[in-house]
Amino acid sequence: MTRQKVLVLYLANSALDAPTVAWAVYDGTGETRPMAGDTDTPPYRTGVDALKDGWRLFQASQILPHQRGAEFDVSYLKYEFFFERLVEVAV
């Protein structure tokens, strides 16, 4: 049976080779129970590094211009990339 693992990387800017600033991992196989921020170092330095390791990029956040006056708003992480890896598991 095939299960999905999801990796969410928040990068410093919209380029896939930008440094990772935050991350989360979700394991649909049930083998691990990682949580966001459970390590001091990101699983990948950049989004390109995740691609090189076999993760498939399936969504990137839409790049929208800042509204006037919100150029320095830090209420959310803007550059979010979703990756997946399909894993065969025994049932």
PDB file of N, CA and C in Angstrom:
ATOM      1  N   MET A   1       0.842  -1.165   0.000  1.00  0.00           N
ATOM      2  CA  MET A   1       0.000   0.000   0.000  1.00  0.00           C
ATOM      3  C   MET A   1       0.896   1.240   0.000  1.00  0.00           C
ATOM      4  N   THR A   2       0.471   2.261  -0.728  1.00  0.00           N
ATOM      5  CA  THR A   2       1.240   3.497  -0.832  1.00  0.00           C
ATOM      6  C   THR A   2       0.689   4.541   0.126  1.00  0.00           C
ATOM      7  N   ARG A   3       1.587   5.181   0.850  1.00  0.00           N
ATOM      8  CA  ARG A   3       1.225   6.261   1.772  1.00  0.00           C
ATOM      9  C   ARG A   3       2.054   7.494   1.414  1.00  0.00           C
ATOM     10  N   GLN A   4       1.566   8.629   1.857  1.00  0.00           N
ATOM     11  CA  GLN A   4       2.199   9.896   1.528  1.00  0.00           C
ATOM     12  C   GLN A   4       2.880  10.513   2.743  1.00  0.00           C
ATOM     13  N   LYS A   5       4.083  11.033   2.511  1.00  0.00           N
ATOM     14  CA  LYS A   5       4.754  11.889   3.486  1.00  0.00           C
ATOM     15  C   LYS A   5       4.743  13.300   2.896  1.00  0.00           C
ATOM     16  N   VAL A   6       4.507  14.285   3.741  1.00  0.00           N
ATOM     17  CA  VAL A   6       4.460  15.677   3.291  1.00  0.00           C
ATOM     18  C   VAL A   6       5.510  16.480   4.053  1.00  0.00           C
ATOM     19  N   LEU A   7       6.250  17.263   3.313  1.00  0.00           N
ATOM     20  CA  LEU A   7       7.276  18.145   3.860  1.00  0.00           C
ATOM     21  C   LEU A   7       6.893  19.577   3.490  1.00  0.00           C
ATOM     22  N   VAL A   8       6.822  20.445   4.469  1.00  0.00           N
ATOM     23  CA  VAL A   8       6.528  21.856   4.224  1.00  0.00           C
ATOM     24  C   VAL A   8       7.772  22.654   4.601  1.00  0.00           C
ATOM     25  N   LEU A   9       8.309  23.358   3.617  1.00  0.00           N
ATOM     26  CA  LEU A   9       9.461  24.218   3.866  1.00  0.00           C
ATOM     27  C   LEU A   9       9.046  25.663   3.679  1.00  0.00           C
ATOM     28  N   TYR A  10       9.403  26.499   4.627  1.00  0.00           N
ATOM     29  CA  TYR A  10       9.204  27.940   4.523  1.00  0.00           C
ATOM     30  C   TYR A  10      10.585  28.523   4.236  1.00  0.00           C
ATOM     31  N   LEU A  11      10.725  29.144   3.078  1.00  0.00           N
ATOM     32  CA  LEU A  11      12.025  29.638   2.653  1.00  0.00           C
ATOM     33  C   LEU A  11      12.137  31.144   2.865  1.00  0.00           C
ATOM     34  N   ALA A  12      13.355  31.643   2.835  1.00  0.00           N
ATOM     35  CA  ALA A  12      13.612  33.060   3.087  1.00  0.00           C
ATOM     36  C   ALA A  12      13.032  33.961   2.005  1.00  0.00           C
ATOM     37  N   ASN A  13      12.894  33.440   0.786  1.00  0.00           N
ATOM     38  CA  ASN A  13      12.253  34.203  -0.287  1.00  0.00           C
ATOM     39  C   ASN A  13      11.617  33.217  -1.267  1.00  0.00           C
ATOM     40  N   SER A  14      11.190  33.678  -2.410  1.00  0.00           N
ATOM     41  CA  SER A  14      10.419  32.840  -3.334  1.00  0.00           C
ATOM     42  C   SER A  14      11.249  31.877  -4.168  1.00  0.00           C
ATOM     43  N   ALA A  15      12.553  31.926  -4.078  1.00  0.00           N
ATOM     44  CA  ALA A  15      13.422  31.045  -4.858  1.00  0.00           C
ATOM     45  C   ALA A  15      13.619  29.714  -4.138  1.00  0.00           C
ATOM     46  N   LEU A  16      13.568  28.622  -4.883  1.00  0.00           N
ATOM     47  CA  LEU A  16      13.736  27.296  -4.279  1.00  0.00           C
ATOM     48  C   LEU A  16      15.135  27.069  -3.704  1.00  0.00           C
ATOM     49  N   ASP A  17      16.097  27.879  -4.114  1.00  0.00           N
ATOM     50  CA  ASP A  17      17.443  27.724  -3.556  1.00  0.00           C
ATOM     51  C   ASP A  17      17.697  28.676  -2.377  1.00  0.00           C
ATOM     52  N   ALA A  18      16.644  29.314  -1.872  1.00  0.00           N
ATOM     53  CA  ALA A  18      16.764  30.178  -0.693  1.00  0.00           C
ATOM     54  C   ALA A  18      16.856  29.327   0.570  1.00  0.00           C
ATOM     55  N   PRO A  19      17.450  29.848   1.620  1.00  0.00           N
ATOM     56  CA  PRO A  19      17.581  29.093   2.866  1.00  0.00           C
ATOM     57  C   PRO A  19      16.235  28.796   3.526  1.00  0.00           C
ATOM     58  N   THR A  20      16.138  27.630   4.147  1.00  0.00           N
ATOM     59  CA  THR A  20      14.956  27.245   4.908  1.00  0.00           C
ATOM     60  C   THR A  20      14.953  28.006   6.229  1.00  0.00           C
ATOM     61  N   VAL A  21      13.789  28.612   6.557  1.00  0.00           N
ATOM     62  CA  VAL A  21      13.679  29.347   7.823  1.00  0.00           C
ATOM     63  C   VAL A  21      12.739  28.652   8.809  1.00  0.00           C
ATOM     64  N   ALA A  22      11.860  27.785   8.305  1.00  0.00           N
ATOM     65  CA  ALA A  22      10.958  27.004   9.161  1.00  0.00           C
ATOM     66  C   ALA A  22      10.492  25.797   8.360  1.00  0.00           C
ATOM     67  N   TRP A  23       9.955  24.783   9.060  1.00  0.00           N
ATOM     68  CA  TRP A  23       9.568  23.557   8.379  1.00  0.00           C
ATOM     69  C   TRP A  23       8.591  22.756   9.215  1.00  0.00           C
ATOM     70  N   ALA A  24       7.943  21.805   8.534  1.00  0.00           N
ATOM     71  CA  ALA A  24       7.072  20.838   9.200  1.00  0.00           C
ATOM     72  C   ALA A  24       7.087  19.569   8.361  1.00  0.00           C
ATOM     73  N   VAL A  25       6.961  18.421   9.011  1.00  0.00           N
ATOM     74  CA  VAL A  25       6.925  17.126   8.332  1.00  0.00           C
ATOM     75  C   VAL A  25       5.698  16.368   8.829  1.00  0.00           C
ATOM     76  N   TYR A  26       4.957  15.779   7.899  1.00  0.00           N
ATOM     77  CA  TYR A  26       3.774  14.980   8.236  1.00  0.00           C
ATOM     78  C   TYR A  26       3.950  13.607   7.594  1.00  0.00           C
ATOM     79  N   ASP A  27       3.882  12.565   8.392  1.00  0.00           N
ATOM     80  CA  ASP A  27       4.167  11.208   7.941  1.00  0.00           C
ATOM     81  C   ASP A  27       2.890  10.387   7.889  1.00  0.00           C
ATOM     82  N   GLY A  28       2.359  10.213   6.686  1.00  0.00           N
ATOM     83  CA  GLY A  28       1.152   9.421   6.500  1.00  0.00           C
ATOM     84  C   GLY A  28       1.361   7.932   6.629  1.00  0.00           C
ATOM     85  N   THR A  29       2.611   7.495   6.755  1.00  0.00           N
ATOM     86  CA  THR A  29       2.873   6.066   6.936  1.00  0.00           C
ATOM     87  C   THR A  29       2.638   5.639   8.377  1.00  0.00           C
ATOM     88  N   GLY A  30       2.698   6.590   9.304  1.00  0.00           N
ATOM     89  CA  GLY A  30       2.559   6.274  10.721  1.00  0.00           C
ATOM     90  C   GLY A  30       3.835   5.774  11.362  1.00  0.00           C
ATOM     91  N   GLU A  31       4.921   5.708  10.595  1.00  0.00           N
ATOM     92  CA  GLU A  31       6.194   5.211  11.126  1.00  0.00           C
ATOM     93  C   GLU A  31       6.843   6.195  12.092  1.00  0.00           C
ATOM     94  N   THR A  32       6.662   7.482  11.848  1.00  0.00           N
ATOM     95  CA  THR A  32       7.231   8.495  12.726  1.00  0.00           C
ATOM     96  C   THR A  32       6.147   9.505  13.079  1.00  0.00           C
ATOM     97  N   ARG A  33       6.379  10.271  14.126  1.00  0.00           N
ATOM     98  CA  ARG A  33       5.424  11.299  14.539  1.00  0.00           C
ATOM     99  C   ARG A  33       6.159  12.634  14.728  1.00  0.00           C
ATOM    100  N   PRO A  34       6.841  13.078  13.656  1.00  0.00           N
ATOM    101  CA  PRO A  34       7.555  14.362  13.786  1.00  0.00           C
ATOM    102  C   PRO A  34       6.580  15.515  13.903  1.00  0.00           C
ATOM    103  N   MET A  35       7.066  16.587  14.479  1.00  0.00           N
ATOM    104  CA  MET A  35       6.253  17.795  14.617  1.00  0.00           C
ATOM    105  C   MET A  35       7.080  18.980  14.142  1.00  0.00           C
ATOM    106  N   ALA A  36       6.406  20.056  13.816  1.00  0.00           N
ATOM    107  CA  ALA A  36       7.110  21.268  13.410  1.00  0.00           C
ATOM    108  C   ALA A  36       7.998  21.743  14.554  1.00  0.00           C
ATOM    109  N   GLY A  37       9.231  22.078  14.223  1.00  0.00           N
ATOM    110  CA  GLY A  37      10.125  22.638  15.224  1.00  0.00           C
ATOM    111  C   GLY A  37      10.680  21.645  16.220  1.00  0.00           C
ATOM    112  N   ASP A  38      10.623  20.334  15.910  1.00  0.00           N
ATOM    113  CA  ASP A  38      11.130  19.369  16.887  1.00  0.00           C
ATOM    114  C   ASP A  38      12.634  19.127  16.760  1.00  0.00           C
ATOM    115  N   THR A  39      13.285  19.852  15.876  1.00  0.00           N
ATOM    116  CA  THR A  39      14.744  19.802  15.772  1.00  0.00           C
ATOM    117  C   THR A  39      15.267  21.228  15.604  1.00  0.00           C
ATOM    118  N   ASP A  40      16.548  21.413  15.879  1.00  0.00           N
ATOM    119  CA  ASP A  40      17.154  22.737  15.746  1.00  0.00           C
ATOM    120  C   ASP A  40      17.608  23.034  14.319  1.00  0.00           C
ATOM    121  N   THR A  41      17.778  21.997  13.520  1.00  0.00           N
ATOM    122  CA  THR A  41      18.229  22.193  12.144  1.00  0.00           C
ATOM    123  C   THR A  41      17.161  21.684  11.174  1.00  0.00           C
ATOM    124  N   PRO A  42      16.968  22.391  10.071  1.00  0.00           N
ATOM    125  CA  PRO A  42      15.947  21.969   9.107  1.00  0.00           C
ATOM    126  C   PRO A  42      16.339  20.657   8.434  1.00  0.00           C
ATOM    127  N   PRO A  43      15.348  19.911   7.941  1.00  0.00           N
ATOM    128  CA  PRO A  43      15.660  18.653   7.263  1.00  0.00           C
ATOM    129  C   PRO A  43      16.411  18.877   5.953  1.00  0.00           C
ATOM    130  N   TYR A  44      16.234  20.042   5.340  1.00  0.00           N
ATOM    131  CA  TYR A  44      16.943  20.407   4.109  1.00  0.00           C
ATOM    132  C   TYR A  44      17.308  21.873   4.184  1.00  0.00           C
ATOM    133  N   ARG A  45      18.496  22.192   3.709  1.00  0.00           N
ATOM    134  CA  ARG A  45      18.983  23.572   3.728  1.00  0.00           C
ATOM    135  C   ARG A  45      18.175  24.457   2.781  1.00  0.00           C
ATOM    136  N   THR A  46      17.741  23.896   1.645  1.00  0.00           N
ATOM    137  CA  THR A  46      16.965  24.633   0.642  1.00  0.00           C
ATOM    138  C   THR A  46      15.911  23.703   0.047  1.00  0.00           C
ATOM    139  N   GLY A  47      14.997  24.269  -0.719  1.00  0.00           N
ATOM    140  CA  GLY A  47      14.026  23.460  -1.445  1.00  0.00           C
ATOM    141  C   GLY A  47      14.687  22.612  -2.511  1.00  0.00           C
ATOM    142  N   VAL A  48      15.724  23.128  -3.140  1.00  0.00           N
ATOM    143  CA  VAL A  48      16.446  22.355  -4.158  1.00  0.00           C
ATOM    144  C   VAL A  48      17.065  21.102  -3.537  1.00  0.00           C
ATOM    145  N   ASP A  49      17.564  21.205  -2.320  1.00  0.00           N
ATOM    146  CA  ASP A  49      18.127  20.037  -1.644  1.00  0.00           C
ATOM    147  C   ASP A  49      17.066  18.958  -1.430  1.00  0.00           C
ATOM    148  N   ALA A  50      15.833  19.358  -1.119  1.00  0.00           N
ATOM    149  CA  ALA A  50      14.739  18.392  -0.966  1.00  0.00           C
ATOM    150  C   ALA A  50      14.440  17.720  -2.304  1.00  0.00           C
ATOM    151  N   LEU A  51      14.448  18.491  -3.389  1.00  0.00           N
ATOM    152  CA  LEU A  51      14.223  17.906  -4.716  1.00  0.00           C
ATOM    153  C   LEU A  51      15.316  16.894  -5.055  1.00  0.00           C
ATOM    154  N   LYS A  52      16.556  17.237  -4.752  1.00  0.00           N
ATOM    155  CA  LYS A  52      17.680  16.332  -5.036  1.00  0.00           C
ATOM    156  C   LYS A  52      17.563  15.029  -4.263  1.00  0.00           C
ATOM    157  N   ASP A  53      16.890  15.063  -3.118  1.00  0.00           N
ATOM    158  CA  ASP A  53      16.722  13.863  -2.291  1.00  0.00           C
ATOM    159  C   ASP A  53      15.462  13.071  -2.655  1.00  0.00           C
ATOM    160  N   GLY A  54      14.769  13.495  -3.709  1.00  0.00           N
ATOM    161  CA  GLY A  54      13.641  12.716  -4.197  1.00  0.00           C
ATOM    162  C   GLY A  54      12.260  13.209  -3.803  1.00  0.00           C
ATOM    163  N   TRP A  55      12.167  14.309  -3.047  1.00  0.00           N
ATOM    164  CA  TRP A  55      10.872  14.870  -2.722  1.00  0.00           C
ATOM    165  C   TRP A  55      10.308  15.556  -3.958  1.00  0.00           C
ATOM    166  N   ARG A  56       9.001  15.442  -4.173  1.00  0.00           N
ATOM    167  CA  ARG A  56       8.342  16.060  -5.322  1.00  0.00           C
ATOM    168  C   ARG A  56       7.621  17.321  -4.865  1.00  0.00           C
ATOM    169  N   LEU A  57       7.909  18.423  -5.520  1.00  0.00           N
ATOM    170  CA  LEU A  57       7.243  19.686  -5.212  1.00  0.00           C
ATOM    171  C   LEU A  57       5.846  19.649  -5.808  1.00  0.00           C
ATOM    172  N   PHE A  58       4.817  19.900  -4.984  1.00  0.00           N
ATOM    173  CA  PHE A  58       3.473  19.911  -5.551  1.00  0.00           C
ATOM    174  C   PHE A  58       2.718  21.204  -5.303  1.00  0.00           C
ATOM    175  N   GLN A  59       3.236  22.093  -4.506  1.00  0.00           N
ATOM    176  CA  GLN A  59       2.573  23.382  -4.348  1.00  0.00           C
ATOM    177  C   GLN A  59       3.548  24.415  -3.809  1.00  0.00           C
ATOM    178  N   ALA A  60       3.464  25.600  -4.355  1.00  0.00           N
ATOM    179  CA  ALA A  60       4.218  26.742  -3.846  1.00  0.00           C
ATOM    180  C   ALA A  60       3.227  27.858  -3.592  1.00  0.00           C
ATOM    181  N   SER A  61       3.466  28.633  -2.563  1.00  0.00           N
ATOM    182  CA  SER A  61       2.541  29.722  -2.250  1.00  0.00           C
ATOM    183  C   SER A  61       2.546  30.751  -3.370  1.00  0.00           C
ATOM    184  N   GLN A  62       1.400  31.331  -3.599  1.00  0.00           N
ATOM    185  CA  GLN A  62       1.264  32.362  -4.608  1.00  0.00           C
ATOM    186  C   GLN A  62       2.033  33.601  -4.171  1.00  0.00           C
ATOM    187  N   ILE A  63       2.748  34.199  -5.100  1.00  0.00           N
ATOM    188  CA  ILE A  63       3.515  35.396  -4.770  1.00  0.00           C
ATOM    189  C   ILE A  63       2.629  36.610  -5.029  1.00  0.00           C
ATOM    190  N   LEU A  64       2.287  37.293  -3.956  1.00  0.00           N
ATOM    191  CA  LEU A  64       1.448  38.479  -4.035  1.00  0.00           C
ATOM    192  C   LEU A  64       2.244  39.695  -3.571  1.00  0.00           C
ATOM    193  N   PRO A  65       2.036  40.827  -4.203  1.00  0.00           N
ATOM    194  CA  PRO A  65       2.746  42.025  -3.736  1.00  0.00           C
ATOM    195  C   PRO A  65       2.211  42.452  -2.371  1.00  0.00           C
ATOM    196  N   HIS A  66       3.065  43.086  -1.596  1.00  0.00           N
ATOM    197  CA  HIS A  66       2.650  43.610  -0.301  1.00  0.00           C
ATOM    198  C   HIS A  66       1.684  44.770  -0.509  1.00  0.00           C
ATOM    199  N   GLN A  67       0.705  44.868   0.354  1.00  0.00           N
ATOM    200  CA  GLN A  67      -0.164  46.039   0.338  1.00  0.00           C
ATOM    201  C   GLN A  67       0.597  47.202   0.953  1.00  0.00           C
ATOM    202  N   ARG A  68       0.270  48.386   0.535  1.00  0.00           N
ATOM    203  CA  ARG A  68       0.941  49.580   1.070  1.00  0.00           C
ATOM    204  C   ARG A  68       0.803  49.602   2.590  1.00  0.00           C
ATOM    205  N   GLY A  69       1.932  49.752   3.275  1.00  0.00           N
ATOM    206  CA  GLY A  69       1.944  49.790   4.727  1.00  0.00           C
ATOM    207  C   GLY A  69       2.208  48.440   5.379  1.00  0.00           C
ATOM    208  N   ALA A  70       2.177  47.352   4.586  1.00  0.00           N
ATOM    209  CA  ALA A  70       2.382  46.010   5.148  1.00  0.00           C
ATOM    210  C   ALA A  70       3.708  45.396   4.705  1.00  0.00           C
ATOM    211  N   GLU A  71       4.612  46.209   4.218  1.00  0.00           N
ATOM    212  CA  GLU A  71       5.881  45.703   3.695  1.00  0.00           C
ATOM    213  C   GLU A  71       6.700  44.943   4.732  1.00  0.00           C
ATOM    214  N   PHE A  72       6.525  45.294   6.000  1.00  0.00           N
ATOM    215  CA  PHE A  72       7.325  44.677   7.047  1.00  0.00           C
ATOM    216  C   PHE A  72       6.486  43.838   8.010  1.00  0.00           C
ATOM    217  N   ASP A  73       5.303  43.440   7.577  1.00  0.00           N
ATOM    218  CA  ASP A  73       4.421  42.587   8.372  1.00  0.00           C
ATOM    219  C   ASP A  73       5.034  41.199   8.486  1.00  0.00           C
ATOM    220  N   VAL A  74       5.182  40.704   9.690  1.00  0.00           N
ATOM    221  CA  VAL A  74       5.794  39.389   9.898  1.00  0.00           C
ATOM    222  C   VAL A  74       4.815  38.426  10.581  1.00  0.00           C
ATOM    223  N   SER A  75       3.540  38.599  10.322  1.00  0.00           N
ATOM    224  CA  SER A  75       2.534  37.781  11.001  1.00  0.00           C
ATOM    225  C   SER A  75       2.442  36.352  10.462  1.00  0.00           C
ATOM    226  N   TYR A  76       3.009  36.104   9.313  1.00  0.00           N
ATOM    227  CA  TYR A  76       3.006  34.758   8.754  1.00  0.00           C
ATOM    228  C   TYR A  76       4.241  34.579   7.880  1.00  0.00           C
ATOM    229  N   LEU A  77       4.549  33.340   7.579  1.00  0.00           N
ATOM    230  CA  LEU A  77       5.696  33.058   6.713  1.00  0.00           C
ATOM    231  C   LEU A  77       5.179  32.945   5.279  1.00  0.00           C
ATOM    232  N   LYS A  78       5.668  33.783   4.420  1.00  0.00           N
ATOM    233  CA  LYS A  78       5.090  33.973   3.094  1.00  0.00           C
ATOM    234  C   LYS A  78       5.512  32.918   2.072  1.00  0.00           C
ATOM    235  N   TYR A  79       6.720  32.422   2.119  1.00  0.00           N
ATOM    236  CA  TYR A  79       7.250  31.586   1.044  1.00  0.00           C
ATOM    237  C   TYR A  79       7.197  30.115   1.447  1.00  0.00           C
ATOM    238  N   GLU A  80       6.035  29.508   1.228  1.00  0.00           N
ATOM    239  CA  GLU A  80       5.716  28.161   1.693  1.00  0.00           C
ATOM    240  C   GLU A  80       5.731  27.196   0.500  1.00  0.00           C
ATOM    241  N   PHE A  81       6.455  26.093   0.648  1.00  0.00           N
ATOM    242  CA  PHE A  81       6.564  25.092  -0.405  1.00  0.00           C
ATOM    243  C   PHE A  81       6.185  23.730   0.156  1.00  0.00           C
ATOM    244  N   PHE A  82       5.292  23.033  -0.536  1.00  0.00           N
ATOM    245  CA  PHE A  82       4.850  21.704  -0.122  1.00  0.00           C
ATOM    246  C   PHE A  82       5.484  20.650  -1.019  1.00  0.00           C
ATOM    247  N   PHE A  83       6.079  19.651  -0.380  1.00  0.00           N
ATOM    248  CA  PHE A  83       6.700  18.534  -1.089  1.00  0.00           C
ATOM    249  C   PHE A  83       6.034  17.239  -0.632  1.00  0.00           C
ATOM    250  N   GLU A  84       6.092  16.225  -1.481  1.00  0.00           N
ATOM    251  CA  GLU A  84       5.573  14.920  -1.083  1.00  0.00           C
ATOM    252  C   GLU A  84       6.545  13.830  -1.477  1.00  0.00           C
ATOM    253  N   ARG A  85       6.425  12.740  -0.762  1.00  0.00           N
ATOM    254  CA  ARG A  85       7.163  11.516  -1.089  1.00  0.00           C
ATOM    255  C   ARG A  85       6.176  10.381  -0.876  1.00  0.00           C
ATOM    256  N   LEU A  86       6.042   9.517  -1.889  1.00  0.00           N
ATOM    257  CA  LEU A  86       5.166   8.362  -1.776  1.00  0.00           C
ATOM    258  C   LEU A  86       5.994   7.177  -1.310  1.00  0.00           C
ATOM    259  N   VAL A  87       5.508   6.467  -0.292  1.00  0.00           N
ATOM    260  CA  VAL A  87       6.255   5.390   0.339  1.00  0.00           C
ATOM    261  C   VAL A  87       5.396   4.136   0.363  1.00  0.00           C
ATOM    262  N   GLU A  88       5.982   3.016  -0.022  1.00  0.00           N
ATOM    263  CA  GLU A  88       5.292   1.732   0.079  1.00  0.00           C
ATOM    264  C   GLU A  88       5.405   1.221   1.509  1.00  0.00           C
ATOM    265  N   VAL A  89       4.277   0.842   2.077  1.00  0.00           N
ATOM    266  CA  VAL A  89       4.265   0.287   3.444  1.00  0.00           C
ATOM    267  C   VAL A  89       3.574  -1.058   3.438  1.00  0.00           C
ATOM    268  N   ALA A  90       3.990  -1.923   4.330  1.00  0.00           N
ATOM    269  CA  ALA A  90       3.349  -3.236   4.486  1.00  0.00           C
ATOM    270  C   ALA A  90       2.073  -3.062   5.283  1.00  0.00           C
ATOM    271  N   VAL A  91       1.070  -3.790   4.904  1.00  0.00           N
ATOM    272  CA  VAL A  91      -0.210  -3.696   5.621  1.00  0.00           C
ATOM    273  C   VAL A  91      -0.393  -4.885   6.530  1.00  0.00           C
TER     274      VAL A  91
END
